[in-house]
């Protein structure tokens, strides 16, 4: 993708900030991720109208609302499948999947594996907080053994999944 021409104005972070109120819990790490992505996007030299953010379900999946680009809030765990279709039909777009550990590694585990296997030119932001934040405390596939939550009152017996191992 080519950088903006000499006659086009240079984009900055503010150009990628949407008019939507950010609705994450106070102190949530998602704020820092959003801020950094909004800061980095102008540096990539891609026209704003060529960015597409696709998300599933969960706290992280509110991301497309908060970035002033094209976006798609899909169903639980299916963002990689939708991103695959979009990228194969529109290879000129900069496609980003925004997902959480529960969305990507549990409900959508097989879709994540296949998008990685296909090695498409898609960026994946995996927010791994080791808990289902939207449900306020259900353990996730990356929660540590012994994690006490509403869904595991005596502690999780499952060993955590390591997404980097993929």
Foldseek 3Di string as FASTA:
>chain_A
DAADDPPDDQDALVLFFAPDDQDDDPPDPLVVVLSVCSHCVSVVRQPQAQEEEEEEDANQLCSVRGTPYHYYYHYQQCRLVVQVVCCVVCVSGAYEYTYEQARDCPVNVVSNVVSVVVVGNYHYHYHYPQARPVVPWHGGLQHDFQDDTPNRPRTHHHHHDDPVVD
